[in-house]
């Protein structure tokens, strides 16, 4: 997880002057999905 996020940050720094790449969108989608999953899990456990 941490290595992936670090790699994504490196990619973002390298392509800062270029439009966002699909990989950045995919990473953001995965992060949002993980947050939603954690929230649902917390609601279920409560």
PDB file of N, CA and C in Angstrom:
ATOM      1  N   UNK A   1       0.827  -1.196   0.000  1.00  0.00           N
ATOM      2  CA  UNK A   1       0.000   0.000   0.000  1.00  0.00           C
ATOM      3  C   UNK A   1       0.868   1.256   0.000  1.00  0.00           C
ATOM      4  N   UNK A   2       1.801   1.321   0.975  1.00  0.00           N
ATOM      5  CA  UNK A   2       2.632   2.515   1.100  1.00  0.00           C
ATOM      6  C   UNK A   2       3.551   2.668  -0.106  1.00  0.00           C
ATOM      7  N   UNK A   3       4.080   1.557  -0.609  1.00  0.00           N
ATOM      8  CA  UNK A   3       4.974   1.637  -1.758  1.00  0.00           C
ATOM      9  C   UNK A   3       4.214   2.126  -2.996  1.00  0.00           C
ATOM     10  N   UNK A   4       2.963   1.703  -3.118  1.00  0.00           N
ATOM     11  CA  UNK A   4       2.154   2.133  -4.259  1.00  0.00           C
ATOM     12  C   UNK A   4       1.886   3.634  -4.185  1.00  0.00           C
ATOM     13  N   UNK A   5       1.506   4.115  -2.990  1.00  0.00           N
ATOM     14  CA  UNK A   5       1.212   5.540  -2.856  1.00  0.00           C
ATOM     15  C   UNK A   5       2.481   6.368  -3.101  1.00  0.00           C
ATOM     16  N   UNK A   6       3.615   5.868  -2.632  1.00  0.00           N
ATOM     17  CA  UNK A   6       4.874   6.577  -2.859  1.00  0.00           C
ATOM     18  C   UNK A   6       5.184   6.634  -4.357  1.00  0.00           C
ATOM     19  N   UNK A   7       4.954   5.529  -5.056  1.00  0.00           N
ATOM     20  CA  UNK A   7       5.202   5.504  -6.494  1.00  0.00           C
ATOM     21  C   UNK A   7       4.264   6.473  -7.203  1.00  0.00           C
ATOM     22  N   UNK A   8       3.011   6.521  -6.766  1.00  0.00           N
ATOM     23  CA  UNK A   8       2.052   7.447  -7.377  1.00  0.00           C
ATOM     24  C   UNK A   8       2.478   8.885  -7.158  1.00  0.00           C
ATOM     25  N   UNK A   9       3.000   9.202  -5.977  1.00  0.00           N
ATOM     26  CA  UNK A   9       3.462  10.565  -5.720  1.00  0.00           C
ATOM     27  C   UNK A   9       4.621  10.903  -6.649  1.00  0.00           C
ATOM     28  N   UNK A  10       5.524   9.949  -6.846  1.00  0.00           N
ATOM     29  CA  UNK A  10       6.646  10.182  -7.752  1.00  0.00           C
ATOM     30  C   UNK A  10       6.157  10.442  -9.162  1.00  0.00           C
ATOM     31  N   UNK A  11       5.152   9.668  -9.603  1.00  0.00           N
ATOM     32  CA  UNK A  11       4.600   9.872 -10.933  1.00  0.00           C
ATOM     33  C   UNK A  11       3.946  11.243 -11.047  1.00  0.00           C
ATOM     34  N   UNK A  12       3.229  11.649 -10.003  1.00  0.00           N
ATOM     35  CA  UNK A  12       2.551  12.944 -10.033  1.00  0.00           C
ATOM     36  C   UNK A  12       3.578  14.072 -10.132  1.00  0.00           C
ATOM     37  N   UNK A  13       4.702  13.933  -9.428  1.00  0.00           N
ATOM     38  CA  UNK A  13       5.737  14.968  -9.462  1.00  0.00           C
ATOM     39  C   UNK A  13       6.351  15.023 -10.869  1.00  0.00           C
ATOM     40  N   UNK A  14       6.566  13.861 -11.466  1.00  0.00           N
ATOM     41  CA  UNK A  14       7.209  13.820 -12.784  1.00  0.00           C
ATOM     42  C   UNK A  14       6.296  14.402 -13.865  1.00  0.00           C
ATOM     43  N   UNK A  15       4.986  14.148 -13.779  1.00  0.00           N
ATOM     44  CA  UNK A  15       4.066  14.587 -14.826  1.00  0.00           C
ATOM     45  C   UNK A  15       3.243  15.795 -14.363  1.00  0.00           C
ATOM     46  N   UNK A  16       3.849  16.619 -13.500  1.00  0.00           N
ATOM     47  CA  UNK A  16       3.120  17.763 -12.945  1.00  0.00           C
ATOM     48  C   UNK A  16       2.690  18.725 -14.057  1.00  0.00           C
ATOM     49  N   UNK A  17       3.482  18.832 -15.124  1.00  0.00           N
ATOM     50  CA  UNK A  17       3.171  19.780 -16.195  1.00  0.00           C
ATOM     51  C   UNK A  17       2.262  19.167 -17.260  1.00  0.00           C
ATOM     52  N   UNK A  18       1.906  17.894 -17.096  1.00  0.00           N
ATOM     53  CA  UNK A  18       1.064  17.227 -18.079  1.00  0.00           C
ATOM     54  C   UNK A  18      -0.323  16.983 -17.484  1.00  0.00           C
ATOM     55  N   UNK A  19      -1.323  16.781 -18.330  1.00  0.00           N
ATOM     56  CA  UNK A  19      -2.662  16.483 -17.815  1.00  0.00           C
ATOM     57  C   UNK A  19      -2.656  15.167 -17.033  1.00  0.00           C
ATOM     58  N   UNK A  20      -3.614  14.975 -16.131  1.00  0.00           N
ATOM     59  CA  UNK A  20      -3.664  13.748 -15.325  1.00  0.00           C
ATOM     60  C   UNK A  20      -3.747  12.507 -16.209  1.00  0.00           C
ATOM     61  N   UNK A  21      -3.059  11.463 -15.797  1.00  0.00           N
ATOM     62  CA  UNK A  21      -3.081  10.217 -16.555  1.00  0.00           C
ATOM     63  C   UNK A  21      -4.152   9.286 -15.990  1.00  0.00           C
ATOM     64  N   UNK A  22      -4.600   8.311 -16.778  1.00  0.00           N
ATOM     65  CA  UNK A  22      -5.605   7.357 -16.295  1.00  0.00           C
ATOM     66  C   UNK A  22      -5.175   6.671 -14.997  1.00  0.00           C
ATOM     67  N   UNK A  23      -3.873   6.430 -14.824  1.00  0.00           N
ATOM     68  CA  UNK A  23      -3.394   5.763 -13.620  1.00  0.00           C
ATOM     69  C   UNK A  23      -3.693   6.611 -12.390  1.00  0.00           C
ATOM     70  N   UNK A  24      -3.592   7.935 -12.516  1.00  0.00           N
ATOM     71  CA  UNK A  24      -3.899   8.818 -11.392  1.00  0.00           C
ATOM     72  C   UNK A  24      -5.386   8.738 -11.053  1.00  0.00           C
ATOM     73  N   UNK A  25      -6.233   8.698 -12.096  1.00  0.00           N
ATOM     74  CA  UNK A  25      -7.671   8.578 -11.874  1.00  0.00           C
ATOM     75  C   UNK A  25      -7.995   7.253 -11.216  1.00  0.00           C
ATOM     76  N   UNK A  26      -7.337   6.192 -11.668  1.00  0.00           N
ATOM     77  CA  UNK A  26      -7.568   4.871 -11.092  1.00  0.00           C
ATOM     78  C   UNK A  26      -7.146   4.849  -9.638  1.00  0.00           C
ATOM     79  N   UNK A  27      -6.016   5.451  -9.326  1.00  0.00           N
ATOM     80  CA  UNK A  27      -5.537   5.494  -7.938  1.00  0.00           C
ATOM     81  C   UNK A  27      -6.534   6.254  -7.060  1.00  0.00           C
ATOM     82  N   UNK A  28      -7.042   7.377  -7.550  1.00  0.00           N
ATOM     83  CA  UNK A  28      -8.017   8.155  -6.788  1.00  0.00           C
ATOM     84  C   UNK A  28      -9.287   7.334  -6.561  1.00  0.00           C
ATOM     85  N   UNK A  29      -9.720   6.613  -7.586  1.00  0.00           N
ATOM     86  CA  UNK A  29     -10.920   5.782  -7.455  1.00  0.00           C
ATOM     87  C   UNK A  29     -10.708   4.701  -6.408  1.00  0.00           C
ATOM     88  N   UNK A  30      -9.518   4.082  -6.403  1.00  0.00           N
ATOM     89  CA  UNK A  30      -9.219   3.036  -5.427  1.00  0.00           C
ATOM     90  C   UNK A  30      -9.232   3.614  -4.015  1.00  0.00           C
ATOM     91  N   UNK A  31      -8.673   4.814  -3.857  1.00  0.00           N
ATOM     92  CA  UNK A  31      -8.650   5.452  -2.532  1.00  0.00           C
ATOM     93  C   UNK A  31     -10.075   5.730  -2.061  1.00  0.00           C
ATOM     94  N   UNK A  32     -10.907   6.263  -2.944  1.00  0.00           N
ATOM     95  CA  UNK A  32     -12.296   6.562  -2.582  1.00  0.00           C
ATOM     96  C   UNK A  32     -13.036   5.274  -2.231  1.00  0.00           C
ATOM     97  N   UNK A  33     -12.832   4.227  -3.027  1.00  0.00           N
ATOM     98  CA  UNK A  33     -13.488   2.950  -2.757  1.00  0.00           C
ATOM     99  C   UNK A  33     -13.055   2.398  -1.403  1.00  0.00           C
ATOM    100  N   UNK A  34     -11.770   2.532  -1.078  1.00  0.00           N
ATOM    101  CA  UNK A  34     -11.267   2.049   0.215  1.00  0.00           C
ATOM    102  C   UNK A  34     -11.902   2.829   1.359  1.00  0.00           C
ATOM    103  N   UNK A  35     -12.029   4.149   1.206  1.00  0.00           N
ATOM    104  CA  UNK A  35     -12.652   4.966   2.254  1.00  0.00           C
ATOM    105  C   UNK A  35     -14.108   4.562   2.449  1.00  0.00           C
ATOM    106  N   UNK A  36     -14.835   4.369   1.351  1.00  0.00           N
ATOM    107  CA  UNK A  36     -16.239   3.951   1.439  1.00  0.00           C
ATOM    108  C   UNK A  36     -16.338   2.597   2.139  1.00  0.00           C
ATOM    109  N   UNK A  37     -15.427   1.686   1.806  1.00  0.00           N
ATOM    110  CA  UNK A  37     -15.431   0.360   2.418  1.00  0.00           C
ATOM    111  C   UNK A  37     -15.204   0.459   3.922  1.00  0.00           C
ATOM    112  N   UNK A  38     -14.269   1.309   4.327  1.00  0.00           N
ATOM    113  CA  UNK A  38     -13.979   1.477   5.759  1.00  0.00           C
ATOM    114  C   UNK A  38     -15.195   2.051   6.479  1.00  0.00           C
ATOM    115  N   UNK A  39     -15.854   3.036   5.867  1.00  0.00           N
ATOM    116  CA  UNK A  39     -17.046   3.633   6.487  1.00  0.00           C
ATOM    117  C   UNK A  39     -18.143   2.583   6.625  1.00  0.00           C
ATOM    118  N   UNK A  40     -18.389   1.821   5.570  1.00  0.00           N
ATOM    119  CA  UNK A  40     -19.418   0.779   5.635  1.00  0.00           C
ATOM    120  C   UNK A  40     -19.075  -0.243   6.709  1.00  0.00           C
ATOM    121  N   UNK A  41     -17.808  -0.620   6.795  1.00  0.00           N
ATOM    122  CA  UNK A  41     -17.376  -1.585   7.800  1.00  0.00           C
ATOM    123  C   UNK A  41     -17.630  -1.039   9.205  1.00  0.00           C
ATOM    124  N   UNK A  42     -17.320   0.224   9.426  1.00  0.00           N
ATOM    125  CA  UNK A  42     -17.546   0.842  10.737  1.00  0.00           C
ATOM    126  C   UNK A  42     -19.040   0.851  11.076  1.00  0.00           C
ATOM    127  N   UNK A  43     -19.881   1.152  10.090  1.00  0.00           N
ATOM    128  CA  UNK A  43     -21.328   1.177  10.322  1.00  0.00           C
ATOM    129  C   UNK A  43     -21.837  -0.220  10.664  1.00  0.00           C
ATOM    130  N   UNK A  44     -21.329  -1.225   9.959  1.00  0.00           N
ATOM    131  CA  UNK A  44     -21.762  -2.602  10.207  1.00  0.00           C
ATOM    132  C   UNK A  44     -21.340  -3.061  11.594  1.00  0.00           C
ATOM    133  N   UNK A  45     -20.126  -2.703  12.007  1.00  0.00           N
ATOM    134  CA  UNK A  45     -19.616  -3.150  13.304  1.00  0.00           C
ATOM    135  C   UNK A  45     -20.308  -2.429  14.454  1.00  0.00           C
ATOM    136  N   UNK A  46     -20.884  -1.263  14.200  1.00  0.00           N
ATOM    137  CA  UNK A  46     -21.540  -0.518  15.288  1.00  0.00           C
ATOM    138  C   UNK A  46     -22.938  -0.993  15.561  1.00  0.00           C
TER     139      UNK A  46
END
